[in-house]
Protein backbone atom coordinates (compact mmCIF):
# COMPACT_ATOMS: atom_id res chain seq x y z
CA MET A 1 67.55 91.65 177.24
CA VAL A 2 68.49 88.04 176.68
CA GLU A 3 71.76 87.72 174.83
CA ILE A 4 71.43 84.65 172.62
CA GLU A 5 74.71 82.76 172.39
CA ARG A 6 76.02 82.50 168.84
CA GLU A 7 78.46 80.00 167.41
CA LYS A 8 79.87 79.25 163.97
CA VAL A 9 78.36 76.17 162.35
CA ARG A 10 78.43 74.54 158.94
CA ASN A 11 79.19 76.73 155.93
CA ASN A 12 80.73 79.25 158.31
CA GLU A 13 77.31 80.84 158.92
CA GLU A 14 76.38 82.41 162.24
CA VAL A 15 73.54 80.54 163.90
CA ALA A 16 71.93 81.38 167.24
CA LYS A 17 72.14 78.72 169.93
CA ILE A 18 68.87 78.83 171.86
CA HIS A 19 68.79 77.07 175.22
CA HIS A 20 66.25 76.48 177.98
CA TRP A 21 65.31 78.94 180.73
CA ILE A 22 65.26 77.22 184.11
CA ASN A 23 65.40 78.77 187.57
CA GLY A 24 66.11 82.26 186.26
CA ARG A 25 68.94 81.52 183.82
CA ARG A 26 69.75 80.03 180.45
CA VAL A 27 70.54 76.34 180.70
CA VAL A 28 72.31 74.52 177.89
CA GLY A 29 70.46 71.42 176.77
CA LYS A 30 72.11 68.07 177.46
CA SER A 31 69.98 65.77 175.33
CA ASP A 32 72.04 66.26 172.14
CA ARG A 33 68.73 66.70 170.31
CA LYS A 34 68.19 70.00 168.53
CA GLY A 35 65.88 71.60 165.99
CA PRO A 36 66.46 74.20 163.26
CA VAL A 37 65.08 77.73 163.35
CA TYR A 38 64.70 79.59 160.05
CA ASN A 39 64.26 83.10 158.77
CA PRO A 40 61.18 82.46 156.62
CA ALA A 41 61.91 85.46 154.37
CA THR A 42 65.25 84.02 153.23
CA GLY A 43 64.81 80.32 153.86
CA ARG A 44 68.13 80.37 155.73
CA LYS A 45 68.73 78.54 158.98
CA THR A 46 69.40 81.18 161.61
CA GLY A 47 69.08 79.26 164.84
CA GLU A 48 69.40 75.94 166.55
CA VAL A 49 67.20 75.23 169.56
CA ASP A 50 67.82 72.61 172.23
CA PHE A 51 65.21 69.87 172.59
CA ALA A 52 64.56 68.94 176.20
CA SER A 53 64.78 65.42 177.55
CA VAL A 54 62.34 64.11 180.15
CA GLN A 55 64.99 64.76 182.79
CA GLU A 56 65.35 68.39 181.71
CA VAL A 57 61.58 68.91 181.81
CA ASN A 58 61.60 67.36 185.28
CA GLY A 59 64.29 69.87 186.26
CA ALA A 60 62.12 72.78 185.13
CA VAL A 61 59.13 71.43 187.04
CA ASP A 62 61.28 70.92 190.14
CA ALA A 63 62.48 74.54 189.92
CA ALA A 64 58.87 75.72 189.68
CA LYS A 65 57.86 73.49 192.59
CA ARG A 66 60.64 74.89 194.80
CA ALA A 67 59.67 78.46 193.90
CA PHE A 68 55.96 77.96 194.58
CA PRO A 69 55.81 78.35 198.39
CA GLY A 70 57.63 81.69 198.39
CA TRP A 71 55.74 83.08 195.39
CA ARG A 72 52.37 81.85 196.63
CA THR A 73 52.81 83.67 199.95
CA LEU A 74 54.12 86.90 198.42
CA SER A 75 51.63 89.66 199.15
CA LEU A 76 49.28 90.84 196.44
CA SER A 77 50.70 94.34 196.68
CA ARG A 78 54.21 93.05 195.96
CA ARG A 79 52.95 91.03 193.00
CA VAL A 80 51.24 94.15 191.67
CA GLU A 81 54.51 96.11 191.88
CA ILE A 82 56.19 93.42 189.78
CA PHE A 83 53.43 93.49 187.19
CA PHE A 84 53.61 97.26 186.84
CA ARG A 85 57.37 97.00 186.29
CA LEU A 86 56.85 94.21 183.77
CA ARG A 87 54.32 96.30 181.89
CA GLN A 88 56.85 99.12 181.56
CA LEU A 89 59.66 96.79 180.50
CA VAL A 90 57.57 95.10 177.80
CA ASN A 91 56.48 98.49 176.52
CA ASP A 92 60.08 99.77 176.49
CA ASN A 93 61.29 96.69 174.59
CA LEU A 94 58.30 96.27 172.29
CA ASP A 95 60.30 96.90 169.13
CA VAL A 96 62.99 94.36 170.06
CA ILE A 97 60.37 91.69 170.82
CA ALA A 98 58.50 92.42 167.58
CA ARG A 99 61.67 92.14 165.50
CA THR A 100 62.47 88.84 167.17
CA VAL A 101 59.00 87.56 166.27
CA THR A 102 59.38 88.68 162.65
CA SER A 103 62.84 87.14 162.31
CA GLU A 104 61.54 83.65 163.21
CA HIS A 105 57.86 83.69 162.23
CA GLY A 106 58.03 85.93 159.16
CA LYS A 107 55.00 88.13 159.86
CA VAL A 108 55.42 91.81 159.07
CA LEU A 109 56.62 94.12 161.84
CA SER A 110 53.25 95.82 162.22
CA ASP A 111 51.60 92.43 162.87
CA ALA A 112 54.38 91.46 165.27
CA ALA A 113 54.05 94.72 167.17
CA ALA A 114 50.28 94.26 167.32
CA GLU A 115 50.64 90.86 168.97
CA VAL A 116 53.03 92.27 171.57
CA HIS A 117 50.51 95.06 172.24
CA VAL A 118 47.81 92.44 172.89
CA GLY A 119 50.17 90.63 175.24
CA LEU A 120 50.82 93.93 176.98
CA GLU A 121 47.07 94.33 177.51
CA MET A 122 47.10 91.03 179.40
CA VAL A 123 49.84 92.30 181.73
CA GLU A 124 47.90 95.53 182.25
CA TYR A 125 44.75 93.60 183.14
CA CYS A 126 46.67 91.50 185.64
CA CYS A 127 47.89 94.68 187.35
CA GLY A 128 44.40 94.69 188.88
CA LEU A 129 44.94 91.31 190.50
CA PRO A 130 43.94 92.39 194.06
CA GLU A 131 40.46 93.17 192.79
CA LEU A 132 40.34 90.19 190.42
CA LEU A 133 41.28 87.66 193.10
CA LYS A 134 38.90 88.94 195.75
CA GLY A 135 36.69 86.42 197.51
CA SER A 136 33.36 87.04 199.24
CA PHE A 137 32.04 87.24 202.80
CA SER A 138 28.67 86.64 204.42
CA GLU A 139 28.18 87.63 208.04
CA GLN A 140 25.86 85.80 210.45
CA VAL A 141 24.53 83.21 207.99
CA SER A 142 23.28 81.49 211.08
CA THR A 143 23.53 82.67 214.66
CA GLY A 144 27.23 83.04 215.37
CA TYR A 145 28.33 81.72 211.95
CA ASP A 146 30.17 83.60 209.21
CA VAL A 147 31.12 82.26 205.78
CA HIS A 148 33.74 83.51 203.39
CA SER A 149 35.28 82.25 200.16
CA VAL A 150 38.76 82.56 198.66
CA ARG A 151 40.45 81.48 195.46
CA GLN A 152 43.84 79.83 195.86
CA PRO A 153 46.54 78.87 193.34
CA LEU A 154 46.93 75.34 192.00
CA GLY A 155 50.72 75.04 192.26
CA VAL A 156 52.89 74.27 189.23
CA VAL A 157 51.06 74.80 185.95
CA ALA A 158 52.27 74.50 182.36
CA GLY A 159 51.57 75.93 178.93
CA ILE A 160 52.14 74.63 175.40
CA THR A 161 52.00 77.33 172.74
CA PRO A 162 51.88 77.41 168.90
CA PHE A 163 54.15 79.00 166.32
CA ASN A 164 51.78 81.66 165.04
CA PHE A 165 51.92 84.07 168.02
CA PRO A 166 55.27 83.53 169.76
CA ALA A 167 54.88 86.49 172.12
CA MET A 168 51.14 86.90 172.51
CA VAL A 169 49.95 83.39 173.34
CA PRO A 170 52.51 82.85 176.14
CA MET A 171 51.21 86.14 177.53
CA TRP A 172 47.68 84.77 177.39
CA MET A 173 48.85 82.25 179.97
CA ILE A 174 51.84 83.28 182.08
CA PRO A 175 50.58 86.61 183.53
CA PHE A 176 47.28 85.08 184.67
CA ALA A 177 48.94 81.99 186.10
CA ILE A 178 51.61 83.77 188.12
CA ALA A 179 49.34 86.66 189.15
CA SER A 180 47.18 83.97 190.76
CA GLY A 181 50.17 82.71 192.73
CA ASN A 182 51.15 79.70 190.59
CA THR A 183 54.53 78.94 189.09
CA PHE A 184 54.84 78.15 185.40
CA VAL A 185 56.63 75.92 182.89
CA LEU A 186 56.27 76.87 179.23
CA LYS A 187 56.90 74.63 176.23
CA VAL A 188 56.94 77.10 173.33
CA SER A 189 56.89 76.10 169.66
CA GLU A 190 60.34 74.97 168.60
CA LYS A 191 59.89 76.91 165.33
CA VAL A 192 59.83 80.29 167.11
CA PRO A 193 61.64 79.97 170.46
CA SER A 194 63.40 83.30 170.97
CA ALA A 195 60.56 85.73 171.80
CA SER A 196 59.60 83.75 174.89
CA MET A 197 63.21 83.90 176.07
CA LEU A 198 63.12 87.69 175.81
CA LEU A 199 59.93 87.76 177.86
CA ALA A 200 61.47 85.51 180.51
CA GLU A 201 64.43 87.87 180.82
CA LEU A 202 62.09 90.85 181.20
CA MET A 203 60.11 89.02 183.90
CA LYS A 204 63.31 88.40 185.82
CA GLU A 205 64.28 92.07 185.45
CA ALA A 206 60.82 93.08 186.69
CA GLY A 207 61.37 91.10 189.88
CA VAL A 208 59.75 87.73 189.19
CA PRO A 209 61.76 85.36 191.41
CA ASP A 210 63.89 82.62 189.90
CA GLY A 211 61.92 79.44 189.22
CA VAL A 212 58.53 81.13 188.98
CA VAL A 213 58.70 81.09 185.15
CA ASN A 214 60.64 78.38 183.29
CA ILE A 215 60.89 77.57 179.57
CA VAL A 216 61.78 74.28 177.92
CA HIS A 217 62.03 73.78 174.18
CA GLY A 218 61.43 70.63 172.25
CA ASP A 219 58.97 68.24 170.65
CA LYS A 220 56.61 65.48 171.75
CA VAL A 221 59.10 64.25 174.34
CA ALA A 222 58.82 67.54 176.23
CA VAL A 223 55.06 67.75 175.72
CA ASP A 224 54.43 64.26 177.06
CA ALA A 225 56.71 64.86 180.03
CA LEU A 226 54.57 67.84 181.05
CA LEU A 227 51.26 66.07 180.39
CA GLU A 228 52.27 63.13 182.56
CA HIS A 229 54.25 64.86 185.33
CA PRO A 230 52.57 64.31 188.73
CA ASP A 231 53.57 67.76 189.99
CA VAL A 232 51.95 69.68 187.11
CA ALA A 233 48.43 70.58 188.20
CA ALA A 234 47.09 72.14 184.99
CA ILE A 235 47.85 72.41 181.29
CA SER A 236 47.00 75.29 178.95
CA PHE A 237 47.26 74.59 175.23
CA VAL A 238 46.69 76.47 171.97
CA GLY A 239 47.16 74.69 168.65
CA SER A 240 45.63 72.32 166.11
CA THR A 241 42.58 70.18 166.82
CA PRO A 242 44.33 66.77 166.67
CA ILE A 243 47.00 67.88 169.13
CA ALA A 244 44.46 69.65 171.35
CA ARG A 245 42.47 66.44 171.58
CA TYR A 246 45.63 64.50 172.43
CA VAL A 247 46.68 67.04 175.07
CA TYR A 248 43.21 67.06 176.63
CA GLU A 249 42.81 63.29 176.73
CA THR A 250 46.35 62.62 177.98
CA ALA A 251 46.44 65.34 180.63
CA THR A 252 42.97 64.63 182.02
CA ARG A 253 43.85 60.94 182.18
CA HIS A 254 46.69 62.00 184.46
CA GLY A 255 44.33 64.00 186.66
CA LYS A 256 45.10 67.49 185.40
CA ARG A 257 42.90 70.49 184.79
CA VAL A 258 43.05 71.36 181.06
CA GLN A 259 42.12 74.23 178.78
CA ALA A 260 42.85 73.30 175.17
CA LEU A 261 42.07 75.74 172.37
CA ALA A 262 41.99 74.04 168.99
CA GLY A 263 41.47 74.63 165.26
CA ALA A 264 39.13 76.90 163.36
CA LYS A 265 37.36 77.53 160.09
CA ASN A 266 35.94 80.98 160.70
CA HIS A 267 32.99 81.91 158.49
CA MET A 268 32.38 85.45 157.29
CA ILE A 269 28.77 85.78 156.16
CA VAL A 270 28.04 88.67 153.81
CA LEU A 271 24.38 89.59 153.35
CA PRO A 272 23.06 91.28 150.17
CA ASP A 273 22.69 94.63 151.95
CA ALA A 274 26.30 94.73 153.18
CA ASP A 275 28.69 97.54 152.31
CA ILE A 276 30.74 95.82 149.59
CA ASP A 277 33.85 97.92 150.14
CA MET A 278 33.79 97.34 153.89
CA ALA A 279 33.26 93.60 153.43
CA ALA A 280 35.99 93.26 150.79
CA ASP A 281 38.48 95.22 152.90
CA ALA A 282 37.65 93.00 155.87
CA ALA A 283 38.04 89.83 153.81
CA VAL A 284 41.50 90.88 152.63
CA SER A 285 42.77 92.03 156.03
CA GLY A 286 41.08 89.21 157.92
CA GLY A 287 42.06 86.49 155.49
CA PHE A 288 45.60 87.48 154.56
CA GLY A 289 46.92 89.30 157.63
CA SER A 290 49.81 87.39 159.20
CA ALA A 291 49.71 85.23 156.02
CA GLY A 292 46.50 83.64 157.28
CA GLU A 293 48.41 81.89 160.06
CA ARG A 294 46.05 82.77 162.88
CA CYS A 295 43.15 80.90 164.42
CA MET A 296 40.88 83.92 164.10
CA ALA A 297 41.59 84.51 160.40
CA VAL A 298 38.69 84.80 158.01
CA ALA A 299 38.89 81.43 156.26
CA GLN A 300 35.58 81.01 154.48
CA ILE A 301 33.34 83.69 153.05
CA VAL A 302 29.66 82.86 152.66
CA ALA A 303 28.09 85.13 150.05
CA VAL A 304 24.31 85.32 150.43
CA GLY A 305 21.88 85.91 147.58
CA GLY A 306 23.20 87.78 144.57
CA ILE A 307 26.14 89.50 146.23
CA GLY A 308 28.70 86.84 145.28
CA ASP A 309 29.90 88.21 141.92
CA ARG A 310 30.37 91.76 143.20
CA LEU A 311 32.07 90.60 146.39
CA VAL A 312 34.50 88.26 144.62
CA ALA A 313 35.34 90.99 142.09
CA ALA A 314 36.00 93.49 144.88
CA ILE A 315 38.31 91.07 146.72
CA LYS A 316 40.12 90.14 143.51
CA GLU A 317 40.67 93.83 142.75
CA ARG A 318 42.29 94.38 146.16
CA ILE A 319 44.62 91.37 146.22
CA PRO A 320 47.31 92.82 143.88
CA ARG A 321 47.65 95.80 146.21
CA VAL A 322 48.78 93.57 149.08
CA LYS A 323 52.56 93.89 149.10
CA VAL A 324 54.13 90.55 149.94
CA GLY A 325 57.69 90.85 151.19
CA ASP A 326 60.21 90.54 153.98
CA GLY A 327 58.51 91.32 157.27
CA MET A 328 61.39 93.60 158.24
CA ASP A 329 60.53 95.87 155.30
CA PRO A 330 58.12 98.50 156.67
CA ASP A 331 56.34 98.61 153.31
CA SER A 332 55.47 94.90 153.41
CA GLU A 333 51.87 94.04 154.25
CA MET A 334 52.18 90.24 154.28
CA GLY A 335 55.19 88.08 155.00
CA PRO A 336 56.12 84.47 154.20
CA LEU A 337 54.82 81.31 155.81
CA VAL A 338 56.67 79.90 158.79
CA THR A 339 58.38 76.83 157.25
CA ARG A 340 58.89 75.24 153.85
CA GLU A 341 56.87 72.21 154.94
CA HIS A 342 53.93 74.36 155.94
CA LEU A 343 54.20 76.29 152.67
CA LYS A 344 53.91 73.07 150.65
CA ARG A 345 50.93 71.97 152.68
CA VAL A 346 49.08 75.27 152.21
CA MET A 347 49.83 75.41 148.47
CA SER A 348 48.41 71.91 148.03
CA TYR A 349 44.93 73.18 148.92
CA ILE A 350 44.87 75.39 145.84
CA ASP A 351 45.23 72.36 143.57
CA LYS A 352 43.05 70.07 145.70
CA GLY A 353 40.32 72.71 145.87
CA ARG A 354 40.36 73.17 142.09
CA ASP A 355 40.36 69.41 141.52
CA GLN A 356 37.22 69.15 143.64
CA GLY A 357 35.30 71.81 141.72
CA ALA A 358 36.38 75.21 143.07
CA THR A 359 37.37 78.06 140.77
CA VAL A 360 40.85 79.48 141.33
CA VAL A 361 40.29 83.23 141.02
CA VAL A 362 43.76 84.22 142.26
CA ASP A 363 46.67 81.78 142.56
CA GLY A 364 49.17 83.21 145.04
CA ARG A 365 51.99 81.13 143.57
CA GLU A 366 52.04 83.29 140.46
CA SER A 367 53.28 86.50 142.07
CA VAL A 368 55.75 86.03 144.91
CA PRO A 369 59.09 87.66 145.74
CA ASN A 370 62.27 86.18 144.35
CA GLY A 371 64.53 84.11 146.55
CA ASP A 372 64.36 81.06 148.77
CA GLY A 373 61.83 82.38 151.29
CA PHE A 374 58.66 80.48 152.10
CA TRP A 375 56.47 82.63 149.86
CA LEU A 376 52.83 82.34 148.88
CA GLY A 377 50.76 85.33 147.84
CA PRO A 378 47.08 85.87 148.71
CA SER A 379 44.94 83.24 146.99
CA LEU A 380 41.20 83.21 146.32
CA LEU A 381 38.96 80.23 145.57
CA ASP A 382 35.33 80.70 144.47
CA HIS A 383 32.43 78.23 144.33
CA VAL A 384 33.87 76.15 147.18
CA SER A 385 31.29 73.51 148.06
CA ALA A 386 30.79 72.18 151.58
CA ASP A 387 32.27 68.82 150.61
CA ASN A 388 35.44 70.36 149.13
CA ILE A 389 38.61 69.66 151.11
CA ALA A 390 39.43 73.37 150.96
CA TYR A 391 36.20 73.96 152.91
CA ARG A 392 36.36 71.03 155.29
CA GLU A 393 39.95 71.39 156.53
CA GLU A 394 41.85 74.15 158.29
CA ILE A 395 44.32 75.55 155.74
CA PHE A 396 46.06 78.03 158.06
CA GLY A 397 47.48 80.11 155.26
CA PRO A 398 46.55 82.88 152.79
CA VAL A 399 43.97 80.85 150.87
CA LEU A 400 40.49 82.36 151.13
CA GLY A 401 37.43 80.39 150.01
CA VAL A 402 34.03 81.67 148.89
CA THR A 403 30.83 79.63 149.16
CA ARG A 404 27.52 80.91 147.76
CA VAL A 405 24.13 80.29 149.35
CA ALA A 406 20.62 81.56 148.75
CA SER A 407 19.58 82.86 152.17
CA TYR A 408 20.61 83.95 155.66
CA GLU A 409 19.21 80.69 157.03
CA ASP A 410 21.35 78.67 154.62
CA ALA A 411 24.45 80.64 155.62
CA VAL A 412 23.95 80.12 159.35
CA LYS A 413 23.16 76.44 158.81
CA LEU A 414 26.38 76.05 156.83
CA ALA A 415 28.44 77.64 159.58
CA ASN A 416 26.73 75.73 162.36
CA GLU A 417 27.18 72.36 160.66
CA HIS A 418 30.94 72.82 160.41
CA PRO A 419 32.74 70.92 163.20
CA TRP A 420 34.67 74.01 164.31
CA GLY A 421 33.13 76.99 166.05
CA ASN A 422 35.94 79.33 166.99
CA GLY A 423 34.74 82.60 165.46
CA ALA A 424 32.07 83.76 163.03
CA VAL A 425 31.28 87.19 161.62
CA ILE A 426 28.52 88.82 159.61
CA PHE A 427 28.55 91.91 157.41
CA THR A 428 25.19 93.64 157.06
CA ARG A 429 23.41 96.96 157.49
CA ASP A 430 20.40 95.19 159.03
CA GLY A 431 20.43 95.42 162.82
CA GLY A 432 17.77 92.76 163.14
CA ALA A 433 19.77 90.28 161.08
CA ALA A 434 22.88 91.07 163.08
CA ARG A 435 21.06 90.50 166.36
CA CYS A 436 19.65 87.20 165.13
CA PHE A 437 23.10 86.12 164.00
CA ALA A 438 24.62 86.81 167.41
CA VAL A 439 22.00 84.47 168.90
CA ASP A 440 21.87 81.84 166.14
CA VAL A 441 25.49 81.17 165.26
CA GLN A 442 27.32 78.40 167.12
CA ALA A 443 30.69 80.02 167.74
CA GLY A 444 32.50 81.29 170.80
CA MET A 445 33.46 84.69 169.36
CA VAL A 446 31.20 86.69 167.07
CA GLY A 447 31.80 89.79 164.98
CA ILE A 448 29.22 92.21 163.61
CA ASN A 449 30.89 94.10 160.75
CA VAL A 450 34.18 93.15 162.45
CA ALA A 451 36.50 90.71 160.68
CA ILE A 452 38.62 89.55 163.64
CA PRO A 453 36.50 89.57 166.83
CA VAL A 454 39.28 88.78 169.32
CA PRO A 455 38.06 89.68 172.82
CA VAL A 456 39.85 92.35 174.82
CA ALA A 457 41.84 91.29 177.89
CA TYR A 458 38.96 91.69 180.33
CA TYR A 459 36.80 89.19 178.45
CA SER A 460 37.96 85.66 177.60
CA PHE A 461 39.00 83.98 174.35
CA GLY A 462 37.69 80.62 173.20
CA GLY A 463 35.55 78.75 170.73
CA TRP A 464 32.80 76.14 170.71
CA LYS A 465 32.50 72.61 169.33
CA SER A 466 35.82 71.12 168.15
CA SER A 467 37.56 74.45 168.65
CA LEU A 468 37.75 73.84 172.39
CA PHE A 469 38.48 70.84 174.58
CA GLY A 470 37.58 71.29 178.22
CA SER A 471 35.24 73.95 179.52
CA SER A 472 37.53 76.92 180.08
CA HIS A 473 38.31 79.75 177.71
CA ILE A 474 41.66 81.48 178.05
CA TYR A 475 42.74 84.77 179.70
CA GLY A 476 40.39 87.37 181.21
CA PRO A 477 38.00 86.31 184.01
CA GLU A 478 38.05 82.66 182.93
CA GLY A 479 41.83 82.72 182.99
CA PHE A 480 41.91 83.64 186.67
CA LYS A 481 39.24 81.04 187.40
CA PHE A 482 41.17 78.32 185.56
CA TYR A 483 44.40 78.96 187.47
CA THR A 484 42.74 78.98 190.90
CA ARG A 485 40.37 76.81 192.89
CA GLY A 486 37.71 77.93 195.29
CA LYS A 487 37.62 77.34 199.00
CA VAL A 488 34.73 78.17 201.35
CA ILE A 489 35.43 78.69 205.06
CA THR A 490 32.70 78.57 207.69
CA THR A 491 33.57 80.20 211.03
CA ARG A 492 31.90 80.19 214.45
CA TRP A 493 33.04 82.11 217.51
CA PRO A 494 31.68 81.98 221.07
CA ASP A 495 29.06 84.56 221.97
CA PRO A 496 30.99 87.38 223.71
CA SER A 497 28.17 87.81 226.24
CA THR A 498 28.68 84.29 227.59
CA SER A 499 32.44 84.07 227.26
CA LYS A 500 34.48 83.91 230.44
CA VAL A 501 37.45 85.44 228.70
CA ASP A 502 38.35 88.90 230.00
CA LEU A 503 37.99 91.05 226.90
CA GLY A 504 39.27 94.16 228.66
CA PHE A 505 36.07 96.06 227.91
CA PRO A 506 32.38 95.78 228.91
CA ARG A 507 30.32 93.13 227.11
CA THR A 508 27.42 94.68 225.23
CA ARG A 509 24.92 93.31 222.77
């Protein structure tokens, strides 16, 4: 595993020094720009990560460019061997990776392990790359003519990933990109840099050649350097809507292929016939898991007809049972938020929502662990109108809103009129209503009595409307399509019966 260099800094505290990963080794940053990394459960600075300069980003791209010819020509069978070894190594080190995620993000260990498991599923899917990259062939399309198609890699591609899934989202990108024959440069969130370094070390151990996967840390300087670099053919991005729009517009202006997954306000519609216990359990797990810091979290409940009072009461009853605590504690069910700044932003929505007419049913600030961690307990707002800021904006924290409407049609209209369309779910016993919902709702991922409808590895993940810029969803079949481009070859050979070449055997028709 990667051994993170540690040095003594101010106050005689031990702080990890986190560097870049370029051409198969750790490379100390030379820009003299760094960022802090915190343990969100204690509020203590535990790391210091190098911020890359434009020159350092260029160095990572150059390493990837040099590695591309050899990796691109490596046989599919050899690539498969590497992926099978990588799968075993990730599985063997799952606990170490999960603990690294928890130490920097704050999510509880069970959530961290779950995200590594999802990443592992991506590696497993890519083990089938010979089948997934197959082209097609048509014989004798015209007399003497054959046509076949292939998919070929783009070259150097790059990814920019968010703080909320430090292990999983890089694994939504890197396995698909390199399985397709590309080389990769990753700019991971500077808030949670260490998990990606562990993955890079495991890839090297699995046999991925130096330069095929590179990691640079940093801020907008590093992002812009990748978006504008002439040798980067494609950009994959997951993050907030404003940044996704910026990434898409900037990268496409520089001639790059882009997949940019953006923000969300996922609606959970609960019909009057729904199982109240099932719906309330789903609201709590879907809304407060990983402290609400996930783009597929349940963010807004839409209670239809007269179910609102019973549903709100059932959720309120469950909230005190959610144990908020240090993610390293196996009894904890929800950890802290990722930074103090993000905590303040999320807490502000409780007051803003109330000021604009919502009822604060549970205020998560009233029952949090002691200490300097970035704590906010599960919070519940009722009677959230469509013009309330707590409804309109992405909170990205453990603040769950409830809006009440009269009918199914009103609920679907409400969801469809929201600018985001990442995910949407419905809870009902009515199969007809569920089937209509799957057709009617304008969202890329839909759940029927499922709170978090994240697709498995052999489908693809992505939203609609302002939740996606570009046309490509991420991972699965669309992942392989995004990281390759098609080529069609038409072939004609002389008719053997008229050829003067001695074939060494009789000519027959």
